Amino acid sequence: MAQKTPAEMRADAEAALTPLGQERMELLARLDEIDSELRPLVLEALTVEVSERRIAQLTALARGTIRAWRAKGA
């Protein structure tokens, strides 16, 4: 069996990374879309005194994200 060249090994590594990398990029783009829709809902929930803790439970948002959105939305 012939040993692979460094260029072939790099190509194999890139080929292995590509499908999951592409899927991750697509999921991150979708997450950005969801966050855009979610942000005004979170801000509204805060104005009616839904707690940060409860919002975090319902959305899987970090409480720091909720606080940051509140600070930017105020």
N, C-alpha and C. Protein backbone atom coordinates (compact mmCIF):
# COMPACT_ATOMS: atom_id res chain seq x y z
N MET A 1 0.84 -1.18 0.00
CA MET A 1 0.00 0.00 0.00
C MET A 1 0.89 1.25 0.00
N ALA A 2 0.63 2.12 -0.91
CA ALA A 2 1.43 3.34 -1.02
C ALA A 2 1.03 4.33 0.07
N GLN A 3 2.03 4.98 0.59
CA GLN A 3 1.78 5.98 1.62
C GLN A 3 1.26 7.25 0.96
N LYS A 4 0.33 7.93 1.63
CA LYS A 4 -0.24 9.15 1.08
C LYS A 4 0.72 10.32 1.26
N THR A 5 0.64 11.21 0.31
CA THR A 5 1.44 12.43 0.41
C THR A 5 0.76 13.39 1.39
N PRO A 6 1.49 14.37 1.92
CA PRO A 6 0.86 15.36 2.78
C PRO A 6 -0.32 16.06 2.11
N ALA A 7 -0.20 16.34 0.83
CA ALA A 7 -1.30 17.00 0.11
C ALA A 7 -2.54 16.09 0.07
N GLU A 8 -2.34 14.80 -0.13
CA GLU A 8 -3.45 13.86 -0.14
C GLU A 8 -4.09 13.75 1.25
N MET A 9 -3.25 13.74 2.28
CA MET A 9 -3.78 13.68 3.66
C MET A 9 -4.58 14.93 3.98
N ARG A 10 -4.09 16.10 3.54
CA ARG A 10 -4.84 17.35 3.75
C ARG A 10 -6.16 17.31 3.01
N ALA A 11 -6.14 16.81 1.79
CA ALA A 11 -7.37 16.71 0.99
C ALA A 11 -8.37 15.78 1.67
N ASP A 12 -7.90 14.66 2.21
CA ASP A 12 -8.77 13.73 2.94
C ASP A 12 -9.36 14.39 4.18
N ALA A 13 -8.54 15.14 4.90
CA ALA A 13 -9.02 15.82 6.10
C ALA A 13 -10.08 16.85 5.74
N GLU A 14 -9.85 17.62 4.67
CA GLU A 14 -10.83 18.60 4.24
C GLU A 14 -12.12 17.93 3.80
N ALA A 15 -12.00 16.82 3.10
CA ALA A 15 -13.19 16.10 2.65
C ALA A 15 -14.00 15.58 3.83
N ALA A 16 -13.32 15.17 4.89
CA ALA A 16 -14.02 14.69 6.09
C ALA A 16 -14.71 15.84 6.82
N LEU A 17 -14.09 17.01 6.83
CA LEU A 17 -14.64 18.17 7.53
C LEU A 17 -15.82 18.82 6.80
N THR A 18 -15.79 18.77 5.48
CA THR A 18 -16.74 19.53 4.67
C THR A 18 -18.21 19.26 4.96
N PRO A 19 -18.68 18.01 4.99
CA PRO A 19 -20.13 17.81 5.19
C PRO A 19 -20.63 18.33 6.54
N LEU A 20 -19.92 18.00 7.60
CA LEU A 20 -20.37 18.47 8.91
C LEU A 20 -20.17 19.96 9.07
N GLY A 21 -19.11 20.49 8.47
CA GLY A 21 -18.90 21.93 8.50
C GLY A 21 -20.02 22.66 7.80
N GLN A 22 -20.43 22.16 6.65
CA GLN A 22 -21.53 22.77 5.90
C GLN A 22 -22.82 22.72 6.70
N GLU A 23 -23.09 21.57 7.30
CA GLU A 23 -24.30 21.42 8.11
C GLU A 23 -24.28 22.40 9.28
N ARG A 24 -23.13 22.55 9.92
CA ARG A 24 -23.01 23.47 11.05
C ARG A 24 -23.26 24.91 10.59
N MET A 25 -22.72 25.30 9.46
CA MET A 25 -22.94 26.65 8.95
C MET A 25 -24.41 26.90 8.66
N GLU A 26 -25.08 25.90 8.10
CA GLU A 26 -26.51 26.02 7.83
C GLU A 26 -27.31 26.15 9.13
N LEU A 27 -26.94 25.37 10.13
CA LEU A 27 -27.64 25.44 11.41
C LEU A 27 -27.41 26.78 12.10
N LEU A 28 -26.19 27.31 12.01
CA LEU A 28 -25.91 28.62 12.60
C LEU A 28 -26.70 29.72 11.90
N ALA A 29 -26.84 29.62 10.58
CA ALA A 29 -27.64 30.59 9.84
C ALA A 29 -29.10 30.51 10.28
N ARG A 30 -29.60 29.31 10.45
CA ARG A 30 -30.99 29.14 10.92
C ARG A 30 -31.14 29.66 12.33
N LEU A 31 -30.15 29.44 13.17
CA LEU A 31 -30.19 29.94 14.54
C LEU A 31 -30.25 31.47 14.55
N ASP A 32 -29.50 32.11 13.67
CA ASP A 32 -29.57 33.57 13.56
C ASP A 32 -30.97 34.02 13.18
N GLU A 33 -31.61 33.31 12.26
CA GLU A 33 -32.99 33.63 11.88
C GLU A 33 -33.94 33.48 13.06
N ILE A 34 -33.78 32.40 13.79
CA ILE A 34 -34.64 32.15 14.95
C ILE A 34 -34.42 33.23 16.00
N ASP A 35 -33.17 33.57 16.26
CA ASP A 35 -32.87 34.61 17.25
C ASP A 35 -33.50 35.94 16.85
N SER A 36 -33.51 36.25 15.56
CA SER A 36 -34.13 37.49 15.10
C SER A 36 -35.62 37.51 15.40
N GLU A 37 -36.26 36.38 15.27
CA GLU A 37 -37.68 36.28 15.59
C GLU A 37 -37.91 36.22 17.10
N LEU A 38 -37.00 35.60 17.80
CA LEU A 38 -37.14 35.38 19.23
C LEU A 38 -36.89 36.65 20.04
N ARG A 39 -35.95 37.47 19.59
CA ARG A 39 -35.55 38.65 20.37
C ARG A 39 -36.72 39.55 20.75
N PRO A 40 -37.58 39.97 19.81
CA PRO A 40 -38.70 40.84 20.23
C PRO A 40 -39.66 40.13 21.18
N LEU A 41 -39.79 38.82 21.03
CA LEU A 41 -40.66 38.07 21.94
C LEU A 41 -40.08 38.04 23.35
N VAL A 42 -38.77 37.90 23.43
CA VAL A 42 -38.10 37.91 24.72
C VAL A 42 -38.25 39.28 25.37
N LEU A 43 -38.06 40.34 24.59
CA LEU A 43 -38.19 41.69 25.14
C LEU A 43 -39.61 41.94 25.62
N GLU A 44 -40.59 41.47 24.89
CA GLU A 44 -41.98 41.61 25.32
C GLU A 44 -42.24 40.83 26.60
N ALA A 45 -41.71 39.62 26.66
CA ALA A 45 -41.88 38.81 27.87
C ALA A 45 -41.26 39.51 29.08
N LEU A 46 -40.12 40.13 28.89
CA LEU A 46 -39.49 40.87 29.99
C LEU A 46 -40.34 42.05 30.44
N THR A 47 -40.99 42.71 29.50
CA THR A 47 -41.81 43.87 29.88
C THR A 47 -43.04 43.46 30.68
N VAL A 48 -43.48 42.23 30.50
CA VAL A 48 -44.62 41.77 31.30
C VAL A 48 -44.16 40.91 32.48
N GLU A 49 -42.88 41.04 32.80
CA GLU A 49 -42.28 40.47 33.99
C GLU A 49 -42.16 38.96 34.02
N VAL A 50 -41.97 38.36 32.84
CA VAL A 50 -41.54 36.97 32.82
C VAL A 50 -40.07 36.99 33.22
N SER A 51 -39.70 36.15 34.15
CA SER A 51 -38.33 36.20 34.67
C SER A 51 -37.31 35.71 33.64
N GLU A 52 -36.10 36.21 33.78
CA GLU A 52 -35.00 35.75 32.92
C GLU A 52 -34.84 34.25 33.04
N ARG A 53 -34.97 33.75 34.24
CA ARG A 53 -34.83 32.31 34.47
C ARG A 53 -35.86 31.52 33.67
N ARG A 54 -37.10 31.98 33.69
CA ARG A 54 -38.17 31.28 32.98
C ARG A 54 -37.97 31.39 31.47
N ILE A 55 -37.57 32.55 30.99
CA ILE A 55 -37.30 32.72 29.56
C ILE A 55 -36.17 31.77 29.14
N ALA A 56 -35.14 31.68 29.96
CA ALA A 56 -34.03 30.77 29.67
C ALA A 56 -34.52 29.32 29.60
N GLN A 57 -35.40 28.94 30.51
CA GLN A 57 -35.94 27.58 30.50
C GLN A 57 -36.73 27.31 29.22
N LEU A 58 -37.49 28.29 28.78
CA LEU A 58 -38.37 28.10 27.63
C LEU A 58 -37.64 28.18 26.29
N THR A 59 -36.49 28.84 26.26
CA THR A 59 -35.83 29.12 24.99
C THR A 59 -34.42 28.55 24.87
N ALA A 60 -33.86 28.08 25.95
CA ALA A 60 -32.46 27.62 25.98
C ALA A 60 -31.48 28.76 25.72
N LEU A 61 -31.93 29.99 25.90
CA LEU A 61 -31.03 31.13 25.81
C LEU A 61 -30.27 31.25 27.12
N ALA A 62 -29.02 31.67 27.03
CA ALA A 62 -28.25 31.95 28.23
C ALA A 62 -28.80 33.23 28.86
N ARG A 63 -28.78 33.27 30.17
CA ARG A 63 -29.29 34.46 30.85
C ARG A 63 -28.48 35.69 30.48
N GLY A 64 -27.20 35.51 30.20
CA GLY A 64 -26.39 36.63 29.74
C GLY A 64 -26.88 37.18 28.40
N THR A 65 -27.33 36.30 27.53
CA THR A 65 -27.88 36.73 26.24
C THR A 65 -29.16 37.51 26.47
N ILE A 66 -29.99 37.03 27.35
CA ILE A 66 -31.25 37.71 27.66
C ILE A 66 -30.95 39.11 28.20
N ARG A 67 -30.00 39.19 29.11
CA ARG A 67 -29.62 40.50 29.67
C ARG A 67 -29.05 41.42 28.60
N ALA A 68 -28.25 40.88 27.71
CA ALA A 68 -27.67 41.70 26.63
C ALA A 68 -28.77 42.21 25.70
N TRP A 69 -29.71 41.34 25.37
CA TRP A 69 -30.82 41.77 24.52
C TRP A 69 -31.63 42.86 25.23
N ARG A 70 -31.84 42.70 26.53
CA ARG A 70 -32.58 43.70 27.29
C ARG A 70 -31.84 45.04 27.24
N ALA A 71 -30.53 45.01 27.45
CA ALA A 71 -29.75 46.24 27.47
C ALA A 71 -29.77 46.94 26.10
N LYS A 72 -29.71 46.17 25.03
CA LYS A 72 -29.73 46.74 23.67
C LYS A 72 -31.13 47.20 23.30
N GLY A 73 -32.13 46.53 23.85
CA GLY A 73 -33.52 46.85 23.50
C GLY A 73 -34.10 47.99 24.29
N ALA A 74 -33.42 48.37 25.37
CA ALA A 74 -33.95 49.41 26.25
C ALA A 74 -33.69 50.80 25.71
